[in-house]
Structures are given as C-alpha cells and as structure tokens.
Amino acid sequence: MSPANEEEFTGIHCRLDELLTARGMTLTELSARVGVSIVNLSVLKNDRARAIRYSTLRAICDALDCEVGELLVLADR
C-alpha cells in the first residue's frame, strides 16, 4: 500500500450492503427510517466514512435489527 492509501485505510469494514440485502431493504428505505441521507449512507456502505455518530449507529442498528459488531467488522489488510 502506498502511504496515501495507508492513511485512508481505517481497518474497519461496514457490512451495510450485506445486511440490507439479507433484510430485503434498500438504501432509500434505510435512509427514510433513520433520517440519514442516502449519500451519507453510501459513504458508510463503501467504507469511505471517517466517523459515525453513536446516535446514527444506533438508529442503523435498530432499523436493521442488528448489533454494532454485525455492522462494523475488522477488515483484512
């Protein structure tokens, strides 16, 4: 990995896409349920997020009926 890529790599993978698929839910539906824009959810889904509010994390987990550890996992390097 180049130094720039290492700085971007957080070591955390968001399993949002997999959880949405498993629950038959769209990103648009999740956005409406949790009050977070589709753009921001997409950033999270694509592992480009730098931070997430606990309240947002809780809302997503409530909407998906999952635990934080099911949504956010350690990524392989």
N, C-alpha and C. Protein backbone atom coordinates (compact mmCIF):
# COMPACT_ATOMS: atom_id res chain seq x y z
N MET A 1 0.83 -1.19 0.00
CA MET A 1 0.00 0.00 0.00
C MET A 1 0.87 1.25 0.00
N SER A 2 0.46 2.21 -0.78
CA SER A 2 1.20 3.47 -0.77
C SER A 2 0.84 4.24 0.49
N PRO A 3 1.69 5.19 0.90
CA PRO A 3 1.40 5.96 2.12
C PRO A 3 0.03 6.62 2.09
N ALA A 4 -0.39 7.14 0.94
CA ALA A 4 -1.71 7.79 0.86
C ALA A 4 -2.82 6.78 1.13
N ASN A 5 -2.70 5.57 0.57
CA ASN A 5 -3.71 4.55 0.80
C ASN A 5 -3.72 4.08 2.24
N GLU A 6 -2.56 3.99 2.86
CA GLU A 6 -2.50 3.57 4.26
C GLU A 6 -3.22 4.57 5.15
N GLU A 7 -3.12 5.86 4.84
CA GLU A 7 -3.80 6.87 5.64
C GLU A 7 -5.31 6.73 5.50
N GLU A 8 -5.80 6.32 4.33
CA GLU A 8 -7.22 6.19 4.09
C GLU A 8 -7.78 4.91 4.69
N PHE A 9 -6.99 3.89 4.84
CA PHE A 9 -7.45 2.60 5.33
C PHE A 9 -7.69 2.66 6.83
N THR A 10 -8.92 2.43 7.24
CA THR A 10 -9.26 2.51 8.67
C THR A 10 -9.15 1.18 9.38
N GLY A 11 -9.16 0.10 8.61
CA GLY A 11 -9.14 -1.22 9.24
C GLY A 11 -10.52 -1.69 9.67
N ILE A 12 -11.55 -0.90 9.33
CA ILE A 12 -12.93 -1.24 9.66
C ILE A 12 -13.71 -1.41 8.36
N HIS A 13 -14.49 -2.47 8.29
CA HIS A 13 -15.35 -2.71 7.12
C HIS A 13 -16.80 -2.61 7.57
N CYS A 14 -17.60 -1.86 6.83
CA CYS A 14 -19.02 -1.73 7.12
C CYS A 14 -19.79 -2.74 6.27
N ARG A 15 -20.55 -3.58 6.92
CA ARG A 15 -21.30 -4.64 6.24
C ARG A 15 -22.72 -4.20 5.88
N LEU A 16 -22.91 -2.90 5.69
CA LEU A 16 -24.24 -2.36 5.43
C LEU A 16 -24.90 -3.00 4.22
N ASP A 17 -24.17 -3.14 3.13
CA ASP A 17 -24.72 -3.72 1.91
C ASP A 17 -25.22 -5.15 2.15
N GLU A 18 -24.42 -5.95 2.83
CA GLU A 18 -24.80 -7.33 3.11
C GLU A 18 -26.04 -7.40 4.01
N LEU A 19 -26.09 -6.54 5.02
CA LEU A 19 -27.23 -6.54 5.93
C LEU A 19 -28.50 -6.06 5.24
N LEU A 20 -28.38 -5.07 4.39
CA LEU A 20 -29.54 -4.60 3.63
C LEU A 20 -30.08 -5.73 2.74
N THR A 21 -29.19 -6.40 2.05
CA THR A 21 -29.59 -7.50 1.16
C THR A 21 -30.27 -8.60 1.95
N ALA A 22 -29.70 -8.97 3.07
CA ALA A 22 -30.25 -10.05 3.90
C ALA A 22 -31.65 -9.70 4.42
N ARG A 23 -31.92 -8.40 4.57
CA ARG A 23 -33.21 -7.99 5.12
C ARG A 23 -34.18 -7.51 4.04
N GLY A 24 -33.74 -7.58 2.78
CA GLY A 24 -34.60 -7.15 1.69
C GLY A 24 -34.95 -5.68 1.76
N MET A 25 -34.00 -4.87 2.22
CA MET A 25 -34.22 -3.44 2.41
C MET A 25 -33.32 -2.66 1.46
N THR A 26 -33.81 -1.55 0.96
CA THR A 26 -32.99 -0.70 0.10
C THR A 26 -32.33 0.40 0.92
N LEU A 27 -31.32 1.00 0.33
CA LEU A 27 -30.63 2.12 0.97
C LEU A 27 -31.62 3.29 1.14
N THR A 28 -32.50 3.45 0.17
CA THR A 28 -33.51 4.51 0.24
C THR A 28 -34.44 4.30 1.43
N GLU A 29 -34.87 3.05 1.64
CA GLU A 29 -35.75 2.75 2.77
C GLU A 29 -35.03 2.97 4.09
N LEU A 30 -33.78 2.53 4.17
CA LEU A 30 -33.00 2.74 5.39
C LEU A 30 -32.83 4.23 5.66
N SER A 31 -32.56 4.99 4.63
CA SER A 31 -32.40 6.43 4.76
C SER A 31 -33.65 7.07 5.37
N ALA A 32 -34.80 6.67 4.89
CA ALA A 32 -36.06 7.21 5.41
C ALA A 32 -36.28 6.80 6.87
N ARG A 33 -35.90 5.58 7.21
CA ARG A 33 -36.12 5.08 8.57
C ARG A 33 -35.21 5.75 9.60
N VAL A 34 -33.96 6.04 9.19
CA VAL A 34 -33.00 6.55 10.17
C VAL A 34 -32.76 8.05 10.06
N GLY A 35 -33.27 8.69 9.02
CA GLY A 35 -33.09 10.13 8.87
C GLY A 35 -31.68 10.54 8.50
N VAL A 36 -30.99 9.67 7.75
CA VAL A 36 -29.64 9.96 7.27
C VAL A 36 -29.71 9.94 5.74
N SER A 37 -29.05 10.89 5.11
CA SER A 37 -29.13 10.97 3.65
C SER A 37 -28.57 9.72 2.97
N ILE A 38 -29.08 9.46 1.79
CA ILE A 38 -28.59 8.33 1.00
C ILE A 38 -27.11 8.50 0.71
N VAL A 39 -26.69 9.72 0.45
CA VAL A 39 -25.28 9.99 0.17
C VAL A 39 -24.41 9.59 1.37
N ASN A 40 -24.81 10.00 2.57
CA ASN A 40 -24.02 9.65 3.76
C ASN A 40 -24.03 8.16 4.04
N LEU A 41 -25.17 7.50 3.82
CA LEU A 41 -25.21 6.05 4.00
C LEU A 41 -24.33 5.35 2.96
N SER A 42 -24.30 5.90 1.76
CA SER A 42 -23.46 5.33 0.70
C SER A 42 -21.98 5.45 1.06
N VAL A 43 -21.59 6.57 1.63
CA VAL A 43 -20.21 6.76 2.09
C VAL A 43 -19.87 5.69 3.13
N LEU A 44 -20.77 5.46 4.04
CA LEU A 44 -20.56 4.44 5.07
C LEU A 44 -20.49 3.05 4.43
N LYS A 45 -21.42 2.76 3.54
CA LYS A 45 -21.51 1.46 2.88
C LYS A 45 -20.26 1.13 2.09
N ASN A 46 -19.66 2.14 1.51
CA ASN A 46 -18.48 1.94 0.67
C ASN A 46 -17.16 2.11 1.43
N ASP A 47 -17.22 2.06 2.74
CA ASP A 47 -16.04 2.14 3.61
C ASP A 47 -15.22 3.42 3.41
N ARG A 48 -15.91 4.51 3.11
CA ARG A 48 -15.21 5.79 2.95
C ARG A 48 -15.47 6.73 4.13
N ALA A 49 -16.26 6.29 5.09
CA ALA A 49 -16.59 7.14 6.24
C ALA A 49 -15.37 7.25 7.16
N ARG A 50 -15.18 8.42 7.73
CA ARG A 50 -14.10 8.65 8.68
C ARG A 50 -14.61 8.59 10.11
N ALA A 51 -15.91 8.81 10.29
CA ALA A 51 -16.50 8.83 11.63
C ALA A 51 -18.00 8.56 11.49
N ILE A 52 -18.61 8.16 12.61
CA ILE A 52 -20.06 7.98 12.65
C ILE A 52 -20.53 8.33 14.06
N ARG A 53 -21.62 9.05 14.14
CA ARG A 53 -22.19 9.40 15.45
C ARG A 53 -22.79 8.15 16.07
N TYR A 54 -22.67 8.06 17.39
CA TYR A 54 -23.28 6.93 18.08
C TYR A 54 -24.79 6.89 17.83
N SER A 55 -25.43 8.04 17.79
CA SER A 55 -26.88 8.08 17.57
C SER A 55 -27.23 7.52 16.18
N THR A 56 -26.40 7.82 15.19
CA THR A 56 -26.63 7.29 13.84
C THR A 56 -26.38 5.79 13.82
N LEU A 57 -25.33 5.36 14.47
CA LEU A 57 -25.01 3.94 14.55
C LEU A 57 -26.16 3.18 15.20
N ARG A 58 -26.68 3.73 16.29
CA ARG A 58 -27.80 3.10 17.00
C ARG A 58 -29.04 3.04 16.11
N ALA A 59 -29.33 4.11 15.40
CA ALA A 59 -30.51 4.15 14.53
C ALA A 59 -30.40 3.12 13.40
N ILE A 60 -29.21 2.99 12.83
CA ILE A 60 -29.00 2.00 11.77
C ILE A 60 -29.16 0.59 12.33
N CYS A 61 -28.56 0.33 13.47
CA CYS A 61 -28.68 -1.00 14.09
C CYS A 61 -30.12 -1.31 14.47
N ASP A 62 -30.86 -0.33 14.97
CA ASP A 62 -32.27 -0.54 15.30
C ASP A 62 -33.07 -0.87 14.04
N ALA A 63 -32.84 -0.11 12.97
CA ALA A 63 -33.57 -0.32 11.72
C ALA A 63 -33.26 -1.68 11.09
N LEU A 64 -32.02 -2.12 11.24
CA LEU A 64 -31.60 -3.39 10.64
C LEU A 64 -31.71 -4.56 11.63
N ASP A 65 -32.14 -4.27 12.85
CA ASP A 65 -32.24 -5.28 13.90
C ASP A 65 -30.94 -6.08 14.01
N CYS A 66 -29.86 -5.34 14.22
CA CYS A 66 -28.54 -5.98 14.33
C CYS A 66 -27.74 -5.34 15.45
N GLU A 67 -26.64 -5.97 15.78
CA GLU A 67 -25.70 -5.44 16.75
C GLU A 67 -24.61 -4.66 16.01
N VAL A 68 -23.95 -3.77 16.72
CA VAL A 68 -22.87 -2.98 16.12
C VAL A 68 -21.82 -3.89 15.49
N GLY A 69 -21.49 -4.99 16.17
CA GLY A 69 -20.47 -5.92 15.68
C GLY A 69 -20.87 -6.67 14.43
N GLU A 70 -22.15 -6.67 14.10
CA GLU A 70 -22.60 -7.26 12.84
C GLU A 70 -22.47 -6.27 11.70
N LEU A 71 -22.55 -4.99 12.04
CA LEU A 71 -22.47 -3.92 11.04
C LEU A 71 -21.03 -3.52 10.75
N LEU A 72 -20.25 -3.35 11.81
CA LEU A 72 -18.85 -2.92 11.67
C LEU A 72 -17.94 -4.05 12.10
N VAL A 73 -17.05 -4.46 11.21
CA VAL A 73 -16.13 -5.56 11.49
C VAL A 73 -14.71 -5.14 11.13
N LEU A 74 -13.73 -5.82 11.69
CA LEU A 74 -12.34 -5.56 11.32
C LEU A 74 -12.11 -6.04 9.89
N ALA A 75 -11.41 -5.25 9.12
CA ALA A 75 -11.15 -5.56 7.72
C ALA A 75 -9.77 -6.20 7.58
N ASP A 76 -9.65 -7.03 6.57
CA ASP A 76 -8.33 -7.57 6.24
C ASP A 76 -7.50 -6.49 5.59
N ARG A 77 -6.21 -6.51 5.86
CA ARG A 77 -5.32 -5.51 5.22
C ARG A 77 -4.98 -5.91 3.84
